[in-house]
N, C-alpha and C. Protein backbone atom coordinates (compact mmCIF):
# COMPACT_ATOMS: atom_id res chain seq x y z
N MET A 1 210.65 30.95 143.81
CA MET A 1 209.59 30.73 144.77
C MET A 1 208.46 31.72 144.50
N THR A 2 207.24 31.22 144.40
CA THR A 2 206.10 32.10 144.13
C THR A 2 205.41 32.43 145.44
N THR A 3 204.83 33.59 145.47
CA THR A 3 204.10 34.01 146.65
C THR A 3 202.64 34.18 146.30
N ALA A 4 201.81 33.96 147.27
CA ALA A 4 200.37 34.11 147.07
C ALA A 4 200.04 35.59 146.91
N PRO A 5 199.03 35.90 146.12
CA PRO A 5 198.65 37.30 145.98
C PRO A 5 198.21 37.86 147.32
N LYS A 6 198.49 39.14 147.52
CA LYS A 6 198.10 39.78 148.77
C LYS A 6 196.62 40.10 148.74
N VAL A 7 195.99 39.85 149.85
CA VAL A 7 194.56 40.12 149.99
C VAL A 7 194.41 41.23 151.01
N ASP A 8 193.60 42.23 150.67
CA ASP A 8 193.35 43.34 151.59
C ASP A 8 192.21 42.95 152.51
N ASN A 9 192.55 42.56 153.73
CA ASN A 9 191.53 42.16 154.69
C ASN A 9 191.01 43.32 155.52
N THR A 10 191.43 44.53 155.19
CA THR A 10 190.97 45.68 155.96
C THR A 10 189.62 46.18 155.49
N LYS A 11 189.24 45.82 154.26
CA LYS A 11 187.94 46.26 153.75
C LYS A 11 186.90 45.18 154.00
N PRO A 12 185.71 45.56 154.46
CA PRO A 12 184.68 44.54 154.69
C PRO A 12 184.20 43.96 153.36
N HIS A 13 183.91 42.67 153.39
CA HIS A 13 183.38 42.00 152.20
C HIS A 13 181.86 42.09 152.24
N LYS A 14 181.27 42.34 151.07
CA LYS A 14 179.82 42.41 150.99
C LYS A 14 179.25 41.04 150.71
N ALA A 15 178.16 40.71 151.40
CA ALA A 15 177.49 39.44 151.13
C ALA A 15 176.74 39.56 149.82
N VAL A 16 176.95 38.61 148.96
CA VAL A 16 176.30 38.63 147.66
C VAL A 16 175.41 37.40 147.56
N SER A 17 174.22 37.59 147.03
CA SER A 17 173.29 36.49 146.89
C SER A 17 173.18 36.08 145.44
N GLY A 18 173.25 34.79 145.19
CA GLY A 18 173.07 34.29 143.84
C GLY A 18 174.11 34.83 142.89
N SER A 19 173.83 34.72 141.61
CA SER A 19 174.79 35.19 140.61
C SER A 19 174.45 36.58 140.12
N THR A 20 173.47 37.22 140.73
CA THR A 20 173.02 38.51 140.24
C THR A 20 173.76 39.67 140.86
N GLY A 21 174.58 39.42 141.88
CA GLY A 21 175.31 40.49 142.51
C GLY A 21 174.45 41.34 143.43
N ARG A 22 173.28 40.91 143.71
CA ARG A 22 172.36 41.66 144.56
C ARG A 22 172.66 41.31 146.01
N LYS A 23 172.93 42.33 146.81
CA LYS A 23 173.25 42.09 148.21
C LYS A 23 172.03 41.50 148.92
N ALA A 24 172.30 40.58 149.85
CA ALA A 24 171.22 39.94 150.60
C ALA A 24 170.36 40.98 151.32
N ALA A 25 170.98 42.04 151.81
CA ALA A 25 170.24 43.06 152.54
C ALA A 25 169.30 43.84 151.63
N ASP A 26 169.57 43.83 150.32
CA ASP A 26 168.73 44.57 149.38
C ASP A 26 167.50 43.81 148.92
N LYS A 27 167.39 42.55 149.26
CA LYS A 27 166.26 41.75 148.80
C LYS A 27 164.99 42.13 149.53
N SER A 28 163.91 42.21 148.77
CA SER A 28 162.61 42.49 149.40
C SER A 28 162.09 41.21 150.05
N ALA A 29 161.11 41.38 150.92
CA ALA A 29 160.50 40.25 151.60
C ALA A 29 159.81 39.33 150.59
N ARG A 30 159.26 39.89 149.53
CA ARG A 30 158.61 39.06 148.50
C ARG A 30 159.64 38.30 147.67
N THR A 31 160.77 38.92 147.39
CA THR A 31 161.84 38.21 146.67
C THR A 31 162.27 37.01 147.49
N ARG A 32 162.47 37.21 148.77
CA ARG A 32 162.85 36.10 149.65
C ARG A 32 161.76 35.03 149.68
N ALA A 33 160.50 35.45 149.70
CA ALA A 33 159.39 34.49 149.70
C ALA A 33 159.43 33.63 148.45
N ARG A 34 159.71 34.24 147.30
CA ARG A 34 159.81 33.50 146.04
C ARG A 34 160.96 32.50 146.10
N GLU A 35 162.09 32.91 146.65
CA GLU A 35 163.25 32.01 146.76
C GLU A 35 162.92 30.80 147.63
N PHE A 36 162.32 31.04 148.78
CA PHE A 36 161.97 29.93 149.67
C PHE A 36 160.88 29.06 149.04
N ALA A 37 159.92 29.67 148.36
CA ALA A 37 158.87 28.89 147.70
C ALA A 37 159.47 28.00 146.62
N LEU A 38 160.41 28.52 145.84
CA LEU A 38 161.05 27.71 144.80
C LEU A 38 161.80 26.53 145.42
N GLN A 39 162.50 26.77 146.50
CA GLN A 39 163.22 25.68 147.16
C GLN A 39 162.25 24.61 147.67
N ALA A 40 161.13 25.07 148.19
CA ALA A 40 160.11 24.13 148.69
C ALA A 40 159.45 23.37 147.52
N LEU A 41 159.18 24.06 146.42
CA LEU A 41 158.61 23.39 145.25
C LEU A 41 159.58 22.34 144.70
N TYR A 42 160.86 22.65 144.73
CA TYR A 42 161.88 21.70 144.29
C TYR A 42 161.81 20.43 145.16
N GLN A 43 161.71 20.62 146.47
CA GLN A 43 161.60 19.47 147.37
C GLN A 43 160.35 18.66 147.06
N HIS A 44 159.28 19.35 146.73
CA HIS A 44 158.02 18.67 146.39
C HIS A 44 158.18 17.84 145.12
N MET A 45 158.79 18.43 144.09
CA MET A 45 158.91 17.75 142.79
C MET A 45 159.95 16.63 142.82
N VAL A 46 161.09 16.88 143.44
CA VAL A 46 162.18 15.91 143.41
C VAL A 46 162.07 14.89 144.54
N GLY A 47 161.80 15.38 145.74
CA GLY A 47 161.76 14.48 146.90
C GLY A 47 160.42 13.84 147.16
N ARG A 48 159.37 14.38 146.53
CA ARG A 48 158.01 13.87 146.75
C ARG A 48 157.64 13.85 148.23
N ASN A 49 158.18 14.84 148.96
CA ASN A 49 157.88 14.94 150.39
C ASN A 49 156.51 15.57 150.58
N PRO A 50 155.83 15.24 151.68
CA PRO A 50 154.53 15.87 151.96
C PRO A 50 154.70 17.38 152.14
N VAL A 51 153.74 18.13 151.63
CA VAL A 51 153.85 19.59 151.65
C VAL A 51 153.96 20.13 153.08
N GLY A 52 153.31 19.50 154.04
CA GLY A 52 153.41 19.96 155.43
C GLY A 52 154.82 19.84 155.97
N ASP A 53 155.49 18.74 155.64
CA ASP A 53 156.87 18.54 156.08
C ASP A 53 157.81 19.54 155.40
N ILE A 54 157.56 19.76 154.11
CA ILE A 54 158.38 20.73 153.35
C ILE A 54 158.21 22.12 153.95
N ASP A 55 156.99 22.48 154.23
CA ASP A 55 156.69 23.80 154.78
C ASP A 55 157.38 24.00 156.12
N THR A 56 157.28 23.02 157.00
CA THR A 56 157.92 23.10 158.31
C THR A 56 159.44 23.23 158.17
N PHE A 57 160.03 22.40 157.30
CA PHE A 57 161.47 22.45 157.08
C PHE A 57 161.90 23.82 156.55
N THR A 58 161.16 24.34 155.57
CA THR A 58 161.52 25.61 154.93
C THR A 58 161.43 26.77 155.91
N ARG A 59 160.40 26.76 156.74
CA ARG A 59 160.24 27.85 157.72
C ARG A 59 161.36 27.87 158.75
N ASP A 60 162.04 26.74 158.93
CA ASP A 60 163.15 26.66 159.87
C ASP A 60 164.49 27.06 159.25
N LEU A 61 164.51 27.33 157.94
CA LEU A 61 165.76 27.70 157.29
C LEU A 61 166.20 29.11 157.71
N SER A 62 167.49 29.30 157.70
CA SER A 62 168.06 30.60 158.04
C SER A 62 167.54 31.67 157.09
N GLY A 63 167.09 32.77 157.63
CA GLY A 63 166.63 33.90 156.83
C GLY A 63 165.16 33.90 156.51
N PHE A 64 164.44 32.82 156.84
CA PHE A 64 163.01 32.79 156.48
C PHE A 64 162.24 33.90 157.18
N HIS A 65 162.67 34.29 158.36
CA HIS A 65 161.97 35.34 159.10
C HIS A 65 161.94 36.67 158.35
N LYS A 66 162.83 36.83 157.36
CA LYS A 66 162.85 38.05 156.57
C LYS A 66 161.96 37.97 155.34
N ALA A 67 161.36 36.81 155.10
CA ALA A 67 160.51 36.61 153.93
C ALA A 67 159.07 37.01 154.24
N ASP A 68 158.33 37.35 153.20
CA ASP A 68 156.89 37.61 153.31
C ASP A 68 156.21 36.25 153.39
N SER A 69 155.88 35.82 154.60
CA SER A 69 155.36 34.47 154.80
C SER A 69 153.99 34.27 154.15
N VAL A 70 153.20 35.31 154.04
CA VAL A 70 151.89 35.20 153.39
C VAL A 70 152.07 34.94 151.90
N HIS A 71 153.00 35.65 151.28
CA HIS A 71 153.28 35.44 149.85
C HIS A 71 153.89 34.05 149.64
N TYR A 72 154.79 33.65 150.51
CA TYR A 72 155.37 32.31 150.44
C TYR A 72 154.27 31.25 150.50
N ASP A 73 153.35 31.38 151.47
CA ASP A 73 152.25 30.42 151.61
C ASP A 73 151.43 30.34 150.33
N ALA A 74 151.10 31.52 149.78
CA ALA A 74 150.29 31.55 148.56
C ALA A 74 151.01 30.85 147.41
N LEU A 75 152.30 31.15 147.24
CA LEU A 75 153.05 30.55 146.13
C LEU A 75 153.23 29.04 146.31
N LEU A 76 153.63 28.62 147.48
CA LEU A 76 153.86 27.20 147.71
C LEU A 76 152.57 26.41 147.63
N HIS A 77 151.62 26.74 148.48
CA HIS A 77 150.39 25.95 148.55
C HIS A 77 149.53 26.13 147.31
N GLY A 78 149.51 27.34 146.75
CA GLY A 78 148.74 27.59 145.54
C GLY A 78 149.31 26.85 144.35
N SER A 79 150.63 26.87 144.20
CA SER A 79 151.27 26.18 143.07
C SER A 79 151.08 24.67 143.16
N ILE A 80 151.21 24.12 144.34
CA ILE A 80 151.04 22.67 144.49
C ILE A 80 149.57 22.29 144.26
N ALA A 81 148.65 23.07 144.81
CA ALA A 81 147.23 22.77 144.63
C ALA A 81 146.81 22.89 143.16
N GLN A 82 147.44 23.79 142.44
CA GLN A 82 147.07 24.03 141.04
C GLN A 82 148.12 23.51 140.06
N ALA A 83 148.92 22.55 140.49
CA ALA A 83 150.03 22.05 139.66
C ALA A 83 149.57 21.59 138.29
N ASP A 84 148.51 20.80 138.23
CA ASP A 84 148.03 20.30 136.93
C ASP A 84 147.56 21.44 136.04
N ALA A 85 146.84 22.39 136.62
CA ALA A 85 146.35 23.54 135.84
C ALA A 85 147.52 24.41 135.38
N LEU A 86 148.52 24.60 136.22
CA LEU A 86 149.70 25.39 135.84
C LEU A 86 150.49 24.69 134.73
N ASP A 87 150.62 23.37 134.84
CA ASP A 87 151.29 22.62 133.78
C ASP A 87 150.54 22.78 132.45
N ALA A 88 149.21 22.68 132.51
CA ALA A 88 148.40 22.83 131.29
C ALA A 88 148.53 24.24 130.72
N LEU A 89 148.69 25.21 131.59
CA LEU A 89 148.82 26.60 131.17
C LEU A 89 150.14 26.88 130.45
N ILE A 90 151.23 26.31 130.95
CA ILE A 90 152.54 26.59 130.35
C ILE A 90 152.89 25.68 129.18
N THR A 91 152.30 24.50 129.12
CA THR A 91 152.66 23.52 128.09
C THR A 91 152.58 24.06 126.66
N PRO A 92 151.55 24.82 126.28
CA PRO A 92 151.49 25.31 124.89
C PRO A 92 152.66 26.22 124.50
N PHE A 93 153.36 26.77 125.47
CA PHE A 93 154.45 27.70 125.19
C PHE A 93 155.83 27.04 125.26
N LEU A 94 155.86 25.74 125.50
CA LEU A 94 157.13 25.02 125.62
C LEU A 94 157.56 24.48 124.28
N ASP A 95 158.87 24.39 124.08
CA ASP A 95 159.41 23.82 122.85
C ASP A 95 159.89 22.39 123.07
N ARG A 96 159.53 21.82 124.22
CA ARG A 96 159.93 20.46 124.56
C ARG A 96 158.85 19.88 125.47
N PRO A 97 158.85 18.57 125.64
CA PRO A 97 157.87 17.98 126.56
C PRO A 97 158.08 18.49 127.99
N LEU A 98 157.01 18.59 128.72
CA LEU A 98 157.03 19.08 130.10
C LEU A 98 158.01 18.29 130.96
N VAL A 99 158.09 16.99 130.75
CA VAL A 99 158.98 16.14 131.57
C VAL A 99 160.45 16.45 131.35
N GLU A 100 160.78 17.16 130.27
CA GLU A 100 162.18 17.50 130.00
C GLU A 100 162.61 18.81 130.65
N LEU A 101 161.67 19.54 131.26
CA LEU A 101 162.05 20.75 132.00
C LEU A 101 162.76 20.34 133.28
N SER A 102 163.74 21.14 133.67
CA SER A 102 164.37 20.88 134.97
C SER A 102 163.35 21.24 136.05
N PRO A 103 163.47 20.65 137.23
CA PRO A 103 162.54 21.02 138.31
C PRO A 103 162.62 22.51 138.66
N ILE A 104 163.78 23.11 138.49
CA ILE A 104 163.92 24.54 138.78
C ILE A 104 163.11 25.35 137.76
N GLU A 105 163.30 25.07 136.47
CA GLU A 105 162.54 25.80 135.44
C GLU A 105 161.05 25.61 135.64
N ARG A 106 160.64 24.40 135.91
CA ARG A 106 159.21 24.13 136.11
C ARG A 106 158.68 24.88 137.33
N GLY A 107 159.43 24.85 138.42
CA GLY A 107 159.01 25.57 139.62
C GLY A 107 158.93 27.07 139.40
N VAL A 108 159.90 27.62 138.69
CA VAL A 108 159.88 29.06 138.39
C VAL A 108 158.68 29.39 137.51
N LEU A 109 158.39 28.54 136.52
CA LEU A 109 157.23 28.78 135.66
C LEU A 109 155.92 28.64 136.44
N TRP A 110 155.86 27.73 137.39
CA TRP A 110 154.68 27.63 138.25
C TRP A 110 154.50 28.92 139.04
N ILE A 111 155.59 29.42 139.62
CA ILE A 111 155.51 30.65 140.40
C ILE A 111 155.05 31.80 139.51
N GLY A 112 155.64 31.94 138.33
CA GLY A 112 155.24 33.00 137.41
C GLY A 112 153.79 32.89 137.00
N GLY A 113 153.37 31.69 136.63
CA GLY A 113 151.98 31.48 136.23
C GLY A 113 151.02 31.76 137.38
N TYR A 114 151.37 31.31 138.57
CA TYR A 114 150.52 31.57 139.73
C TYR A 114 150.41 33.06 140.00
N GLU A 115 151.54 33.76 139.97
CA GLU A 115 151.50 35.20 140.24
C GLU A 115 150.72 35.96 139.16
N PHE A 116 150.88 35.57 137.90
CA PHE A 116 150.09 36.22 136.84
C PHE A 116 148.60 36.08 137.11
N GLN A 117 148.18 34.94 137.60
CA GLN A 117 146.76 34.69 137.81
C GLN A 117 146.22 35.24 139.12
N HIS A 118 147.00 35.16 140.18
CA HIS A 118 146.45 35.42 141.52
C HIS A 118 147.05 36.61 142.26
N CYS A 119 148.14 37.16 141.78
CA CYS A 119 148.79 38.28 142.46
C CYS A 119 148.74 39.50 141.55
N LEU A 120 147.56 39.99 141.33
CA LEU A 120 147.36 41.06 140.36
C LEU A 120 147.96 42.39 140.81
N ASP A 121 148.36 42.48 142.09
CA ASP A 121 149.04 43.68 142.57
C ASP A 121 150.50 43.72 142.12
N VAL A 122 151.01 42.60 141.61
CA VAL A 122 152.39 42.54 141.13
C VAL A 122 152.36 42.76 139.62
N PRO A 123 152.99 43.83 139.12
CA PRO A 123 152.99 44.08 137.68
C PRO A 123 153.62 42.93 136.90
N TRP A 124 153.15 42.72 135.68
CA TRP A 124 153.61 41.58 134.89
C TRP A 124 155.12 41.60 134.66
N ARG A 125 155.69 42.79 134.45
CA ARG A 125 157.15 42.86 134.24
C ARG A 125 157.91 42.47 135.51
N VAL A 126 157.38 42.79 136.66
CA VAL A 126 158.02 42.42 137.93
C VAL A 126 157.98 40.90 138.09
N VAL A 127 156.85 40.29 137.76
CA VAL A 127 156.75 38.82 137.83
C VAL A 127 157.85 38.19 136.97
N ILE A 128 157.96 38.66 135.73
CA ILE A 128 158.96 38.10 134.82
C ILE A 128 160.38 38.35 135.34
N ASN A 129 160.67 39.57 135.75
CA ASN A 129 162.02 39.87 136.25
C ASN A 129 162.38 39.04 137.48
N GLU A 130 161.45 38.90 138.40
CA GLU A 130 161.72 38.10 139.60
C GLU A 130 161.96 36.64 139.23
N CYS A 131 161.18 36.13 138.28
CA CYS A 131 161.36 34.74 137.86
C CYS A 131 162.68 34.54 137.12
N ILE A 132 163.07 35.52 136.34
CA ILE A 132 164.38 35.44 135.67
C ILE A 132 165.49 35.38 136.71
N GLU A 133 165.39 36.21 137.74
CA GLU A 133 166.41 36.21 138.80
C GLU A 133 166.44 34.88 139.54
N LEU A 134 165.27 34.29 139.77
CA LEU A 134 165.23 32.96 140.40
C LEU A 134 165.95 31.94 139.54
N ALA A 135 165.66 31.97 138.24
CA ALA A 135 166.28 31.02 137.32
C ALA A 135 167.79 31.23 137.24
N LYS A 136 168.22 32.48 137.28
CA LYS A 136 169.66 32.76 137.27
C LYS A 136 170.34 32.24 138.53
N SER A 137 169.69 32.44 139.67
CA SER A 137 170.29 32.05 140.95
C SER A 137 170.29 30.55 141.19
N PHE A 138 169.22 29.88 140.77
CA PHE A 138 169.06 28.47 141.13
C PHE A 138 169.12 27.51 139.95
N GLY A 139 168.95 28.01 138.73
CA GLY A 139 168.84 27.14 137.57
C GLY A 139 170.13 26.95 136.81
N GLY A 140 169.99 26.31 135.67
CA GLY A 140 171.11 26.04 134.79
C GLY A 140 171.58 27.30 134.09
N THR A 141 172.62 27.16 133.31
CA THR A 141 173.30 28.29 132.67
C THR A 141 172.37 29.21 131.89
N ASP A 142 171.57 28.67 130.99
CA ASP A 142 170.69 29.50 130.16
C ASP A 142 169.21 29.32 130.49
N GLY A 143 168.92 28.71 131.61
CA GLY A 143 167.52 28.49 132.00
C GLY A 143 166.72 29.77 132.11
N HIS A 144 167.38 30.85 132.52
CA HIS A 144 166.68 32.13 132.68
C HIS A 144 166.17 32.65 131.34
N LYS A 145 166.89 32.37 130.26
CA LYS A 145 166.45 32.81 128.93
C LYS A 145 165.18 32.07 128.52
N TYR A 146 165.15 30.80 128.81
CA TYR A 146 163.98 29.98 128.49
C TYR A 146 162.76 30.44 129.30
N VAL A 147 162.97 30.63 130.59
CA VAL A 147 161.90 31.12 131.48
C VAL A 147 161.37 32.46 130.97
N ASN A 148 162.27 33.35 130.58
CA ASN A 148 161.88 34.66 130.06
C ASN A 148 160.96 34.51 128.85
N GLY A 149 161.35 33.68 127.90
CA GLY A 149 160.56 33.50 126.68
C GLY A 149 159.18 32.93 126.96
N VAL A 150 159.11 31.93 127.82
CA VAL A 150 157.82 31.30 128.14
C VAL A 150 156.93 32.28 128.89
N LEU A 151 157.49 32.98 129.89
CA LEU A 151 156.66 33.89 130.69
C LEU A 151 156.19 35.10 129.90
N HIS A 152 156.97 35.58 128.94
CA HIS A 152 156.50 36.69 128.10
C HIS A 152 155.25 36.26 127.33
N GLN A 153 155.26 35.06 126.78
CA GLN A 153 154.09 34.56 126.06
C GLN A 153 152.91 34.37 127.01
N LEU A 154 153.19 33.85 128.19
CA LEU A 154 152.14 33.61 129.18
C LEU A 154 151.53 34.93 129.65
N ALA A 155 152.37 35.94 129.82
CA ALA A 155 151.86 37.26 130.24
C ALA A 155 150.89 37.82 129.20
N SER A 156 151.23 37.67 127.94
CA SER A 156 150.35 38.17 126.87
C SER A 156 149.01 37.45 126.87
N THR A 157 149.01 36.21 127.31
CA THR A 157 147.77 35.43 127.37
C THR A 157 146.96 35.75 128.62
N LEU A 158 147.62 35.82 129.77
CA LEU A 158 146.91 35.98 131.04
C LEU A 158 146.63 37.44 131.42
N ARG A 159 147.45 38.35 130.96
CA ARG A 159 147.28 39.77 131.27
C ARG A 159 147.40 40.62 130.00
N PRO A 160 146.57 40.34 129.01
CA PRO A 160 146.73 41.03 127.72
C PRO A 160 146.57 42.55 127.80
N ALA A 161 145.62 43.03 128.58
CA ALA A 161 145.42 44.48 128.67
C ALA A 161 146.61 45.16 129.33
N GLU A 162 147.12 44.55 130.38
CA GLU A 162 148.27 45.13 131.09
C GLU A 162 149.52 45.14 130.20
N VAL A 163 149.73 44.06 129.46
CA VAL A 163 150.89 43.98 128.57
C VAL A 163 150.75 45.01 127.45
N ALA A 164 149.57 45.11 126.87
CA ALA A 164 149.34 46.05 125.76
C ALA A 164 149.47 47.50 126.21
N ALA A 165 149.10 47.78 127.46
CA ALA A 165 149.13 49.15 127.96
C ALA A 165 150.51 49.60 128.42
N SER A 166 151.42 48.65 128.60
CA SER A 166 152.74 49.04 129.11
C SER A 166 153.65 49.45 127.96
N PRO A 167 154.44 50.49 128.20
CA PRO A 167 155.35 50.94 127.14
C PRO A 167 156.45 49.91 126.89
N ALA A 168 156.99 49.95 125.70
CA ALA A 168 158.10 49.06 125.36
C ALA A 168 159.32 49.48 126.17
N PRO A 169 160.22 48.54 126.45
CA PRO A 169 161.45 48.90 127.15
C PRO A 169 162.24 49.94 126.35
N LYS A 170 163.07 50.72 127.03
CA LYS A 170 163.83 51.80 126.38
C LYS A 170 164.63 51.31 125.19
N ALA A 171 165.27 50.17 125.29
CA ALA A 171 166.10 49.66 124.19
C ALA A 171 165.23 49.40 122.95
N ALA A 172 164.05 48.86 123.14
CA ALA A 172 163.16 48.57 122.01
C ALA A 172 162.64 49.86 121.39
N ARG A 173 162.36 50.86 122.22
CA ARG A 173 161.87 52.14 121.70
C ARG A 173 162.93 52.84 120.87
N SER A 174 164.18 52.81 121.32
CA SER A 174 165.22 53.51 120.58
C SER A 174 165.51 52.80 119.26
N THR A 175 165.40 51.48 119.22
CA THR A 175 165.60 50.73 117.98
C THR A 175 164.49 51.07 116.99
N THR A 176 163.26 51.15 117.48
CA THR A 176 162.13 51.47 116.62
C THR A 176 162.27 52.88 116.07
N ALA A 177 162.74 53.81 116.88
CA ALA A 177 162.90 55.19 116.42
C ALA A 177 163.98 55.30 115.35
N GLN A 178 165.04 54.50 115.48
CA GLN A 178 166.12 54.55 114.51
C GLN A 178 165.75 53.83 113.21
N HIS A 179 164.93 52.79 113.30
CA HIS A 179 164.56 51.99 112.14
C HIS A 179 163.05 51.84 112.08
N PRO A 180 162.34 52.89 111.72
CA PRO A 180 160.88 52.79 111.70
C PRO A 180 160.41 51.79 110.64
N THR A 181 159.29 51.18 110.91
CA THR A 181 158.72 50.23 109.96
C THR A 181 158.11 51.00 108.80
N PRO A 182 158.37 50.58 107.57
CA PRO A 182 157.79 51.28 106.42
C PRO A 182 156.29 51.04 106.36
N PRO A 183 155.56 51.98 105.77
CA PRO A 183 154.12 51.78 105.63
C PRO A 183 153.85 50.55 104.76
N ASP A 184 152.69 49.91 104.97
CA ASP A 184 152.37 48.68 104.26
C ASP A 184 152.31 48.85 102.75
N ASP A 185 151.92 50.03 102.25
CA ASP A 185 151.75 50.18 100.82
C ASP A 185 153.09 50.32 100.08
N THR A 186 154.22 50.48 100.79
CA THR A 186 155.52 50.61 100.11
C THR A 186 156.26 49.29 100.05
N VAL A 187 155.75 48.27 100.68
CA VAL A 187 156.46 46.99 100.73
C VAL A 187 156.15 46.16 99.51
């Protein structure tokens, strides 16, 4: 006769959000705004519901009161209003037709593109990291890798000075220090 494994119910369980292991209490109001905006954009793309109905429904969802509603409004209404321009902006960086993107990937790329253009107070690396987390939480298995690649290229196009002025990540710096590039005249 087998017995079920014992579970220690004396320790409190932590609420975990998405697949990132980030506690719900640790999320910023803007992170929550991005999550709700992505869900609303998904409803817009898949359900073709009117934006007013989507907005009303989303604001009634549990936890919306903890989101930055101004940022949510900007992302949702701005992305929908500029959908054609955002599609045109990301298309050159895609390795497949736009119609083959999942609605989640497309929505995340809209959010990233919108923030690069209109939320200049948000550093470019933060935009990319937040979008990667959205793709990890709501998208397919490797969708976050695709989003990362497209948004890095988009950042270089939309915020070239900011990208050029930012230091390389620590891992890239240590690799460069260990394997310096030879001078051009020795190649």
